[in-house]
């Protein structure tokens, strides 16, 4: 039998579907503006209006939707919600064709351009770029598209470099460039200068003063949330990082260090901490201060002291609930050097709190530290005795504190002044004052036979013996 060839004609050509009189293409338009300037936003609105009318005017088109991202960079598609929704609708079979103004409106990242155009092409969906007069469904379209998308990416790089150059030029002139929507304590006036926000400034001062009273950042964050104090974004959301950011920001003392971070990659917009890669500029007395320079510097030294303290004793934190239990992470074993833990001892007549060496709590069959357990009431009683001894012998300590006032170390001078004020008119303590423990105690060592050594933040040491 002779071989035959039967021609089967194409039934459906998606690329040429627009010319079919009996079938309408479901057409979507994608719009994007890259800045939030007024003229750009008008362009954004104009694009939406233009494409709505353009699609409705064509009898072969059916409007599948207008997808528009406002004020978003085109170098990455990750944050473009409307763009990603459009791609999802394409995958769901809701769109046959996409129209956009230009390649740079679609994406300035060559990889994204090619990936999405090929992905949509595999789905039978074309993209028409009006400015370049290119369709991704044409045979020569991808070559031109690749070249022009590369040019769009390079244009984005050039724009990014120009913007960075402009910002760095302003830095050299000492012009502060900051988003006050995410900066607590200040607003901007009509000239762009930082001005104090009175209500937020009260919170900033409270944070600085409370920190120097021995309250840890987690406790400060907890109290602010409990009181419903709004954060920089208007909601009562506070974290340790937020508190530490406020404590370490030099702008609260009126100075400004410019270019702390920089954009390492114009495509990802990733911000990198400037650790010497680029020049920085320290503008002194740039604006009105919320806290004094002396207090700010003291806080920085106290932050470092606490870091050194944790490193010295192998601690991950300064301890939780330190407002209610200020002895947390401040009681150590005078035999093996381990931390003392707070435990509950159960007796016939009820339970009682006690402190014992951590190495003593290893288990029944493991030999631990031989140091004594101390009842919490005895620990409290011992601190009261030590504090009262300081009050009783204040004149002896006073000479030491006055000498510290003239030291070159601001933290030492601050503690000396603080101790002078706390002991000036204080009466002997009858019951333990937790706030005094937080403000004054560095740590204490528990030794056998009721010996306790108290070490205070002013450098003083008081040892005593309590009856077991």
Foldseek 3Di string as FASTA:
>chain_A
DDDDDDDDDDDDQLVPQLPDQVAAFAEEEEFEFAADDPVSVVVQVVVVVVVVCVQVVRNRYDHLYYQYDYNHAQLDCPPRPSLVVVLVCLVVVSGAEYEYAALLRNHLHLVVQVVSQVVSVVSNYWYAHVVVRAISVDPCRVVVSSVVSPVSNVVLVVVVVVVVVVVVVVQVVVNDDDDQLQPFQWDADPVRATDGDVVRLVLLVVLLVVVLLQDALAVSLVVQLVVQPQDSNGGSHDDSVNSVCSLQACVQQQKHKPCQWDQPDSSVSDIDGCPPPDDIHIGHNRDHHSDHPLSSLLSVVVVVVLVVLCVVQVHPHCDPPCLVVVQVVFEAAPPPGAHWDWDWDADPVGIFIKTDGPQPPPDDVDHGDPADIGGPVLVQVVVLVQVLVCLVPVVVVLVVLVVQCPDPDSNLVVLSVVVCVVSVPDDRDPGGDSSCSSNWFRHKYGGHQQWIWTATPNRDIDIDGDHD
